[in-house]
Amino acid sequence: MKRQILWLSACLVAASGTATAAGFQWLPDSAAWTEPAGTSGATKVESQVTAEYYGLQALKIWDFDARACSLQLEQSSFNAPSPHPLDPLRMCEPKQTQAWKRADVGSGLFVRAISVCTAKGAGAEIHGVELWGASIGPNGKLKPAKESVKLEFSRCEKWSPRRECPAGSVATGVRAELGASDIGAVGLALSCHALAPAP
């Protein structure tokens, strides 16, 4: 009987520890922006995750007549993978054709770096995006994914330098740099926050 009570007590302690185990969140005071991948623009629009326990997992772009005219982020919780799309940003209007593509770093992974591609020669319009992700270890350290993910439209020919969040940080938003004359996005920057155990 005594052995059974001890075993039951150990189970209750383990269950209690699991139920109250802290997850992760980002620290509001750690906000940082990367340099834009691509070109800076005079006008900027932003999309941010909705709470401090979410990070960026995927990005969807609508291409209107060879212009990146609409962008939608997908956030996921650090503590229970659950992708959820945010409201899309409209950056220019369609004229004739439109298509969309999506880049997703994967369940349980969060975006840490970005690059964009443009056509060779003149023109700064974005025609593709590459994302690098990382998973969160039990100690809060980030483990980079083995491969990046890309979305590419026609005329995706020249890739920009990679822009990466500071060490220990993940992306929590995107700032789109807009070109003149209704050409859509010409650059993308990441909003980054450092991770910490949730209180």
Protein backbone atom coordinates (compact mmCIF):
# COMPACT_ATOMS: atom_id res chain seq x y z
CA MET A 1 0.00 0.00 0.00
CA LYS A 2 2.84 2.39 0.92
CA ARG A 3 4.60 1.69 -2.40
CA GLN A 4 1.34 2.37 -4.29
CA ILE A 5 0.89 5.75 -2.50
CA LEU A 6 4.49 6.77 -3.28
CA TRP A 7 4.02 5.86 -6.97
CA LEU A 8 0.75 7.81 -7.10
CA SER A 9 2.46 10.85 -5.50
CA ALA A 10 5.25 10.72 -8.08
CA CYS A 11 2.68 10.63 -10.90
CA LEU A 12 0.84 13.66 -9.46
CA VAL A 13 4.08 15.64 -9.21
CA ALA A 14 5.02 14.74 -12.80
CA ALA A 15 1.56 15.65 -14.10
CA SER A 16 1.60 18.91 -12.17
CA GLY A 17 5.06 19.79 -13.51
CA THR A 18 3.94 19.12 -17.08
CA ALA A 19 0.80 21.21 -16.70
CA THR A 20 2.68 24.20 -15.34
CA ALA A 21 5.81 23.91 -17.53
CA ALA A 22 6.65 27.31 -18.97
CA GLY A 23 6.56 27.83 -22.71
CA PHE A 24 8.17 30.68 -24.63
CA GLN A 25 7.30 34.22 -25.59
CA TRP A 26 9.15 37.14 -27.13
CA LEU A 27 10.38 40.13 -25.17
CA PRO A 28 8.74 43.45 -26.21
CA ASP A 29 11.90 45.43 -25.34
CA SER A 30 14.02 43.35 -27.73
CA ALA A 31 12.42 44.68 -30.96
CA ALA A 32 14.80 45.06 -33.91
CA TRP A 33 14.37 45.43 -37.68
CA THR A 34 16.62 43.89 -40.28
CA GLU A 35 17.82 45.90 -43.26
CA PRO A 36 15.43 45.40 -46.19
CA ALA A 37 16.09 42.45 -48.48
CA GLY A 38 15.84 44.23 -51.82
CA THR A 39 15.47 48.01 -52.03
CA SER A 40 14.25 50.65 -49.59
CA GLY A 41 11.12 52.55 -50.59
CA ALA A 42 9.65 55.94 -49.70
CA THR A 43 6.43 54.28 -48.50
CA LYS A 44 6.25 51.35 -46.08
CA VAL A 45 3.48 49.08 -44.79
CA GLU A 46 3.77 46.53 -41.96
CA SER A 47 2.10 43.37 -40.74
CA GLN A 48 2.83 42.04 -37.22
CA VAL A 49 1.90 38.90 -35.26
CA THR A 50 -0.90 39.42 -32.78
CA ALA A 51 0.65 38.36 -29.45
CA GLU A 52 4.01 37.77 -27.76
CA TYR A 53 3.77 33.97 -27.96
CA TYR A 54 3.49 33.93 -31.78
CA GLY A 55 6.17 33.97 -34.47
CA LEU A 56 6.17 34.10 -38.26
CA GLN A 57 5.88 30.70 -39.99
CA ALA A 58 4.79 31.44 -43.56
CA LEU A 59 4.39 34.21 -46.11
CA LYS A 60 2.03 34.38 -49.09
CA ILE A 61 2.44 36.82 -51.99
CA TRP A 62 0.00 37.72 -54.74
CA ASP A 63 1.66 38.68 -58.02
CA PHE A 64 -0.43 41.13 -60.06
CA ASP A 65 0.96 41.62 -63.58
CA ALA A 66 4.56 40.87 -62.46
CA ARG A 67 4.26 43.06 -59.35
CA ALA A 68 4.21 41.86 -55.71
CA CYS A 69 0.95 43.62 -54.85
CA SER A 70 -0.43 41.75 -51.85
CA LEU A 71 1.25 40.02 -48.92
CA GLN A 72 -0.15 37.86 -46.11
CA LEU A 73 1.71 36.52 -43.08
CA GLU A 74 0.89 33.33 -41.19
CA GLN A 75 1.70 33.20 -37.49
CA SER A 76 2.06 30.15 -35.26
CA SER A 77 2.33 29.72 -31.50
CA PHE A 78 5.73 28.93 -29.98
CA ASN A 79 4.04 26.53 -27.57
CA ALA A 80 1.44 24.69 -29.69
CA PRO A 81 1.91 24.77 -33.50
CA SER A 82 -1.24 26.27 -34.99
CA PRO A 83 -0.78 28.30 -38.20
CA HIS A 84 -3.16 31.23 -38.48
CA PRO A 85 -3.25 33.75 -41.37
CA LEU A 86 -3.21 37.46 -40.62
CA ASP A 87 -5.05 40.07 -42.67
CA PRO A 88 -3.41 40.58 -46.07
CA LEU A 89 -1.73 43.87 -47.02
CA ARG A 90 -2.71 45.34 -50.41
CA MET A 91 0.15 47.31 -51.97
CA CYS A 92 -1.05 47.88 -55.54
CA GLU A 93 -4.04 47.04 -57.71
CA PRO A 94 -4.44 44.24 -60.29
CA LYS A 95 -4.64 45.14 -63.96
CA GLN A 96 -4.84 41.94 -65.97
CA THR A 97 -3.49 38.78 -64.33
CA GLN A 98 -2.88 37.62 -60.78
CA ALA A 99 -1.41 34.54 -59.12
CA TRP A 100 -0.25 33.68 -55.62
CA LYS A 101 2.46 31.52 -54.05
CA ARG A 102 3.31 30.63 -50.45
CA ALA A 103 6.57 29.90 -48.60
CA ASP A 104 6.22 27.97 -45.31
CA VAL A 105 9.24 27.08 -43.15
CA GLY A 106 7.22 24.23 -41.58
CA SER A 107 5.31 23.30 -38.45
CA GLY A 108 7.26 24.06 -35.27
CA LEU A 109 9.68 26.32 -37.17
CA PHE A 110 9.85 30.12 -37.24
CA VAL A 111 11.31 32.52 -39.79
CA ARG A 112 14.77 33.95 -38.97
CA ALA A 113 16.04 35.32 -42.27
CA ILE A 114 14.82 36.50 -45.68
CA SER A 115 16.04 37.22 -49.20
CA VAL A 116 14.12 38.46 -52.25
CA CYS A 117 14.72 38.14 -55.97
CA THR A 118 14.27 40.60 -58.80
CA ALA A 119 14.73 40.58 -62.56
CA LYS A 120 18.20 41.11 -63.98
CA GLY A 121 18.93 44.63 -65.10
CA ALA A 122 16.51 47.50 -64.44
CA GLY A 123 13.48 47.19 -62.18
CA ALA A 124 13.32 46.67 -58.43
CA GLU A 125 10.02 44.75 -58.28
CA ILE A 126 10.08 41.59 -56.14
CA HIS A 127 9.53 38.34 -58.06
CA GLY A 128 10.32 35.84 -55.30
CA VAL A 129 11.14 35.29 -51.63
CA GLU A 130 13.43 32.88 -49.76
CA LEU A 131 12.91 32.18 -46.04
CA TRP A 132 15.16 30.49 -43.48
CA GLY A 133 13.61 29.00 -40.33
CA ALA A 134 14.61 27.59 -36.96
CA SER A 135 13.03 25.46 -34.26
CA ILE A 136 13.05 26.30 -30.55
CA GLY A 137 14.87 23.83 -28.31
CA PRO A 138 13.71 22.99 -24.78
CA ASN A 139 16.29 25.45 -23.41
CA GLY A 140 15.04 28.23 -25.72
CA LYS A 141 18.01 28.03 -28.08
CA LEU A 142 17.24 28.19 -31.79
CA LYS A 143 18.22 25.32 -34.08
CA PRO A 144 18.43 26.36 -37.77
CA ALA A 145 16.47 24.28 -40.28
CA LYS A 146 18.56 22.28 -42.76
CA GLU A 147 17.03 23.96 -45.81
CA SER A 148 15.42 27.23 -46.81
CA VAL A 149 12.08 27.54 -48.64
CA LYS A 150 11.38 29.67 -51.72
CA LEU A 151 8.51 31.05 -53.72
CA GLU A 152 9.36 32.21 -57.24
CA PHE A 153 7.39 33.93 -59.98
CA SER A 154 8.54 34.56 -63.54
CA ARG A 155 11.54 36.91 -63.89
CA CYS A 156 12.95 35.77 -60.50
CA GLU A 157 16.57 35.94 -61.61
CA LYS A 158 18.79 37.76 -59.09
CA TRP A 159 18.74 37.15 -55.31
CA SER A 160 19.42 39.87 -52.75
CA PRO A 161 21.76 39.43 -49.77
CA ARG A 162 20.20 37.47 -46.91
CA ARG A 163 18.86 39.61 -44.03
CA GLU A 164 18.86 37.80 -40.66
CA CYS A 165 17.35 38.45 -37.24
CA PRO A 166 19.84 38.95 -34.37
CA ALA A 167 21.06 35.81 -32.59
CA GLY A 168 18.36 34.28 -30.39
CA SER A 169 15.56 36.16 -32.19
CA VAL A 170 12.77 35.13 -34.55
CA ALA A 171 10.67 37.14 -36.99
CA THR A 172 7.44 38.60 -35.64
CA GLY A 173 6.47 40.77 -38.61
CA VAL A 174 7.33 42.08 -42.05
CA ARG A 175 7.74 45.61 -43.38
CA ALA A 176 7.14 45.96 -47.13
CA GLU A 177 9.07 48.71 -48.87
CA LEU A 178 6.95 50.10 -51.71
CA GLY A 179 8.19 51.41 -55.03
CA ALA A 180 6.81 54.42 -56.88
CA SER A 181 4.22 54.31 -59.67
CA ASP A 182 2.14 51.43 -58.30
CA ILE A 183 4.87 48.80 -58.83
CA GLY A 184 4.26 47.08 -55.49
CA ALA A 185 6.89 45.80 -53.06
CA VAL A 186 10.57 46.37 -53.83
CA GLY A 187 11.96 45.25 -50.46
CA LEU A 188 11.01 43.24 -47.36
CA ALA A 189 12.42 43.68 -43.84
CA LEU A 190 11.81 41.44 -40.82
CA SER A 191 10.68 42.60 -37.40
CA CYS A 192 12.57 40.48 -34.86
CA HIS A 193 12.22 39.75 -31.14
CA ALA A 194 14.34 37.72 -28.73
CA LEU A 195 12.79 34.70 -27.03
CA ALA A 196 12.48 34.04 -23.30
CA PRO A 197 10.64 31.54 -21.09
CA ALA A 198 7.06 32.60 -20.44
CA PRO A 199 6.41 33.69 -16.82
